[in-house]
Amino acid sequence: MTRTVPFTLYSRSYCHLCEDMRQALLALQQPGERFEVAVIDVDADPALVARFDELVPVLYGDPEGEELCHYFLDAAAARGWADACAKAAA
């Protein structure tokens, strides 16, 4: 059975760092898990521009929780979130 791990990536459409972070995140998937990455365009919402603006890309596991990283992927933080999701599902 494949377990789904949710992530939220605050991004911009023209941001190469954003795509780099998404690709690096997907490369962390292990057998039996699938990362579901909701990509949110900050430019579509003035409140998100005010909140994130030059920080993008910004990665969250839980969008209501703490930021996992910004600018570049923190693989340990992302893997920690994925492992915490696995323990919660067990």
N, C-alpha and C. Protein backbone atom coordinates (compact mmCIF):
# COMPACT_ATOMS: atom_id res chain seq x y z
N MET A 1 0.84 -1.17 0.00
CA MET A 1 0.00 0.00 0.00
C MET A 1 0.89 1.25 0.00
N THR A 2 0.51 2.23 -0.80
CA THR A 2 1.26 3.48 -0.89
C THR A 2 0.67 4.49 0.07
N ARG A 3 1.54 5.11 0.82
CA ARG A 3 1.12 6.14 1.77
C ARG A 3 1.39 7.50 1.14
N THR A 4 0.43 8.41 1.29
CA THR A 4 0.54 9.76 0.74
C THR A 4 1.02 10.71 1.83
N VAL A 5 2.01 11.52 1.48
CA VAL A 5 2.56 12.52 2.40
C VAL A 5 2.27 13.89 1.80
N PRO A 6 1.50 14.74 2.51
CA PRO A 6 1.15 16.05 1.97
C PRO A 6 2.24 17.10 2.24
N PHE A 7 2.46 17.93 1.25
CA PHE A 7 3.33 19.09 1.37
C PHE A 7 2.63 20.26 0.69
N THR A 8 2.95 21.47 1.12
CA THR A 8 2.47 22.68 0.47
C THR A 8 3.69 23.52 0.12
N LEU A 9 3.79 23.87 -1.16
CA LEU A 9 4.90 24.67 -1.66
C LEU A 9 4.36 26.01 -2.15
N TYR A 10 4.75 27.07 -1.46
CA TYR A 10 4.40 28.42 -1.90
C TYR A 10 5.44 28.84 -2.92
N SER A 11 4.96 29.27 -4.09
CA SER A 11 5.81 29.36 -5.26
C SER A 11 5.42 30.56 -6.13
N ARG A 12 6.18 30.74 -7.19
CA ARG A 12 5.85 31.69 -8.27
C ARG A 12 6.05 30.95 -9.59
N SER A 13 5.28 31.32 -10.57
CA SER A 13 5.34 30.61 -11.85
C SER A 13 6.67 30.78 -12.56
N TYR A 14 7.36 31.86 -12.38
CA TYR A 14 8.61 32.11 -13.10
C TYR A 14 9.85 31.82 -12.25
N CYS A 15 9.68 31.11 -11.15
CA CYS A 15 10.75 30.92 -10.16
C CYS A 15 11.45 29.58 -10.38
N HIS A 16 12.70 29.62 -10.86
CA HIS A 16 13.43 28.37 -11.08
C HIS A 16 13.79 27.69 -9.76
N LEU A 17 14.01 28.46 -8.69
CA LEU A 17 14.28 27.85 -7.39
C LEU A 17 13.07 27.05 -6.90
N CYS A 18 11.88 27.53 -7.24
CA CYS A 18 10.66 26.83 -6.84
C CYS A 18 10.57 25.46 -7.49
N GLU A 19 10.85 25.41 -8.78
CA GLU A 19 10.82 24.14 -9.48
C GLU A 19 11.95 23.23 -9.01
N ASP A 20 13.11 23.82 -8.73
CA ASP A 20 14.23 23.03 -8.21
C ASP A 20 13.85 22.40 -6.87
N MET A 21 13.18 23.17 -6.00
CA MET A 21 12.79 22.63 -4.69
C MET A 21 11.77 21.50 -4.86
N ARG A 22 10.81 21.69 -5.76
CA ARG A 22 9.79 20.66 -5.98
C ARG A 22 10.43 19.36 -6.47
N GLN A 23 11.35 19.48 -7.42
CA GLN A 23 12.02 18.29 -7.96
C GLN A 23 12.88 17.61 -6.90
N ALA A 24 13.60 18.39 -6.10
CA ALA A 24 14.44 17.82 -5.04
C ALA A 24 13.57 17.13 -3.99
N LEU A 25 12.42 17.71 -3.69
CA LEU A 25 11.50 17.10 -2.74
C LEU A 25 11.00 15.76 -3.26
N LEU A 26 10.55 15.73 -4.50
CA LEU A 26 10.03 14.49 -5.08
C LEU A 26 11.10 13.40 -5.12
N ALA A 27 12.36 13.79 -5.26
CA ALA A 27 13.45 12.81 -5.29
C ALA A 27 13.65 12.14 -3.93
N LEU A 28 13.11 12.71 -2.86
CA LEU A 28 13.22 12.13 -1.51
C LEU A 28 12.22 11.01 -1.24
N GLN A 29 11.25 10.84 -2.15
CA GLN A 29 10.24 9.80 -1.93
C GLN A 29 10.91 8.44 -1.83
N GLN A 30 10.39 7.65 -0.92
CA GLN A 30 10.89 6.29 -0.74
C GLN A 30 9.84 5.30 -1.24
N PRO A 31 10.24 4.07 -1.48
CA PRO A 31 9.26 3.07 -1.92
C PRO A 31 8.10 2.99 -0.92
N GLY A 32 6.90 2.95 -1.45
CA GLY A 32 5.71 2.85 -0.61
C GLY A 32 5.14 4.19 -0.17
N GLU A 33 5.71 5.28 -0.65
CA GLU A 33 5.16 6.59 -0.31
C GLU A 33 5.09 7.47 -1.56
N ARG A 34 4.14 8.37 -1.52
CA ARG A 34 3.97 9.32 -2.63
C ARG A 34 3.81 10.70 -2.00
N PHE A 35 4.64 11.64 -2.43
CA PHE A 35 4.52 13.01 -1.95
C PHE A 35 3.49 13.74 -2.79
N GLU A 36 2.49 14.27 -2.13
CA GLU A 36 1.46 15.07 -2.79
C GLU A 36 1.80 16.53 -2.50
N VAL A 37 2.23 17.25 -3.52
CA VAL A 37 2.70 18.62 -3.34
C VAL A 37 1.67 19.59 -3.91
N ALA A 38 1.02 20.33 -3.03
CA ALA A 38 0.10 21.39 -3.45
C ALA A 38 0.95 22.63 -3.71
N VAL A 39 0.98 23.08 -4.95
CA VAL A 39 1.77 24.26 -5.31
C VAL A 39 0.83 25.46 -5.33
N ILE A 40 1.15 26.44 -4.48
CA ILE A 40 0.33 27.64 -4.35
C ILE A 40 1.09 28.82 -4.94
N ASP A 41 0.50 29.49 -5.92
CA ASP A 41 1.12 30.67 -6.54
C ASP A 41 0.86 31.88 -5.65
N VAL A 42 1.90 32.39 -5.00
CA VAL A 42 1.71 33.51 -4.07
C VAL A 42 1.22 34.76 -4.79
N ASP A 43 1.53 34.89 -6.07
CA ASP A 43 1.11 36.09 -6.80
C ASP A 43 -0.38 36.14 -7.08
N ALA A 44 -1.08 35.04 -6.83
CA ALA A 44 -2.53 35.00 -7.03
C ALA A 44 -3.31 35.60 -5.86
N ASP A 45 -2.61 35.92 -4.77
CA ASP A 45 -3.29 36.41 -3.56
C ASP A 45 -2.41 37.48 -2.89
N PRO A 46 -2.90 38.71 -2.81
CA PRO A 46 -2.11 39.78 -2.20
C PRO A 46 -1.67 39.47 -0.76
N ALA A 47 -2.47 38.73 -0.02
CA ALA A 47 -2.11 38.38 1.35
C ALA A 47 -0.89 37.44 1.36
N LEU A 48 -0.83 36.53 0.37
CA LEU A 48 0.32 35.64 0.28
C LEU A 48 1.57 36.38 -0.18
N VAL A 49 1.40 37.35 -1.06
CA VAL A 49 2.54 38.18 -1.47
C VAL A 49 3.08 38.92 -0.26
N ALA A 50 2.19 39.48 0.55
CA ALA A 50 2.62 40.20 1.76
C ALA A 50 3.32 39.27 2.74
N ARG A 51 2.85 38.04 2.83
CA ARG A 51 3.41 37.08 3.78
C ARG A 51 4.75 36.50 3.32
N PHE A 52 4.85 36.13 2.04
CA PHE A 52 6.02 35.40 1.56
C PHE A 52 6.93 36.20 0.63
N ASP A 53 6.40 37.00 -0.21
CA ASP A 53 7.10 37.81 -1.21
C ASP A 53 8.44 37.22 -1.63
N GLU A 54 9.54 37.73 -1.14
CA GLU A 54 10.86 37.30 -1.60
C GLU A 54 11.38 36.02 -0.95
N LEU A 55 10.59 35.38 -0.07
CA LEU A 55 11.02 34.14 0.57
C LEU A 55 10.83 32.90 -0.31
N VAL A 56 10.01 33.01 -1.35
CA VAL A 56 9.69 31.82 -2.14
C VAL A 56 10.93 31.24 -2.78
N PRO A 57 10.97 29.93 -2.90
CA PRO A 57 9.96 28.97 -2.49
C PRO A 57 9.97 28.74 -0.98
N VAL A 58 8.77 28.47 -0.45
CA VAL A 58 8.61 28.16 0.97
C VAL A 58 7.85 26.84 1.06
N LEU A 59 8.39 25.90 1.83
CA LEU A 59 7.80 24.57 1.94
C LEU A 59 7.25 24.33 3.33
N TYR A 60 6.02 23.83 3.36
CA TYR A 60 5.36 23.42 4.60
C TYR A 60 4.93 21.98 4.45
N GLY A 61 4.88 21.26 5.55
CA GLY A 61 4.20 19.97 5.58
C GLY A 61 2.73 20.26 5.80
N ASP A 62 2.44 20.86 6.92
CA ASP A 62 1.09 21.32 7.27
C ASP A 62 1.09 22.83 7.08
N PRO A 63 0.24 23.35 6.17
CA PRO A 63 0.25 24.79 5.94
C PRO A 63 -0.12 25.62 7.18
N GLU A 64 -0.72 24.98 8.17
CA GLU A 64 -1.04 25.66 9.43
C GLU A 64 0.07 25.49 10.45
N GLY A 65 1.08 24.71 10.11
CA GLY A 65 2.18 24.44 11.03
C GLY A 65 3.39 25.30 10.75
N GLU A 66 4.54 24.79 11.14
CA GLU A 66 5.78 25.53 10.97
C GLU A 66 6.36 25.31 9.58
N GLU A 67 7.03 26.34 9.08
CA GLU A 67 7.75 26.26 7.81
C GLU A 67 8.84 25.20 7.92
N LEU A 68 8.95 24.38 6.88
CA LEU A 68 10.04 23.39 6.84
C LEU A 68 11.33 24.02 6.30
N CYS A 69 11.19 24.88 5.28
CA CYS A 69 12.36 25.53 4.70
C CYS A 69 11.92 26.57 3.68
N HIS A 70 12.87 27.40 3.28
CA HIS A 70 12.64 28.31 2.16
C HIS A 70 13.94 28.48 1.37
N TYR A 71 13.81 28.97 0.15
CA TYR A 71 14.89 29.11 -0.84
C TYR A 71 15.40 27.76 -1.35
N PHE A 72 15.92 26.92 -0.45
CA PHE A 72 16.46 25.61 -0.86
C PHE A 72 15.88 24.53 0.05
N LEU A 73 15.75 23.33 -0.50
CA LEU A 73 15.17 22.23 0.26
C LEU A 73 16.05 21.84 1.44
N ASP A 74 15.45 21.75 2.60
CA ASP A 74 16.08 21.16 3.77
C ASP A 74 15.61 19.70 3.78
N ALA A 75 16.44 18.83 3.22
CA ALA A 75 16.05 17.43 3.05
C ALA A 75 15.75 16.76 4.39
N ALA A 76 16.50 17.10 5.42
CA ALA A 76 16.27 16.49 6.74
C ALA A 76 14.91 16.91 7.29
N ALA A 77 14.54 18.16 7.12
CA ALA A 77 13.23 18.63 7.61
C ALA A 77 12.10 17.98 6.83
N ALA A 78 12.25 17.89 5.51
CA ALA A 78 11.21 17.27 4.68
C ALA A 78 11.07 15.79 5.00
N ARG A 79 12.20 15.11 5.15
CA ARG A 79 12.17 13.68 5.49
C ARG A 79 11.59 13.49 6.88
N GLY A 80 11.90 14.39 7.80
CA GLY A 80 11.32 14.33 9.15
C GLY A 80 9.81 14.44 9.12
N TRP A 81 9.29 15.34 8.28
CA TRP A 81 7.84 15.48 8.13
C TRP A 81 7.24 14.19 7.56
N ALA A 82 7.87 13.65 6.53
CA ALA A 82 7.36 12.42 5.91
C ALA A 82 7.36 11.27 6.92
N ASP A 83 8.42 11.16 7.71
CA ASP A 83 8.49 10.10 8.71
C ASP A 83 7.45 10.31 9.82
N ALA A 84 7.21 11.55 10.21
CA ALA A 84 6.19 11.84 11.22
C ALA A 84 4.80 11.47 10.69
N CYS A 85 4.56 11.71 9.42
CA CYS A 85 3.28 11.33 8.81
C CYS A 85 3.11 9.81 8.82
N ALA A 86 4.20 9.10 8.57
CA ALA A 86 4.15 7.63 8.57
C ALA A 86 3.83 7.11 9.96
N LYS A 87 4.45 7.69 11.00
CA LYS A 87 4.18 7.26 12.37
C LYS A 87 2.74 7.57 12.76
N ALA A 88 2.23 8.71 12.33
CA ALA A 88 0.85 9.09 12.66
C ALA A 88 -0.15 8.16 11.99
N ALA A 89 0.20 7.66 10.81
CA ALA A 89 -0.70 6.77 10.08
C ALA A 89 -0.66 5.34 10.61
N ALA A 90 0.39 5.00 11.33
CA ALA A 90 0.55 3.62 11.83
C ALA A 90 -0.30 3.33 13.04
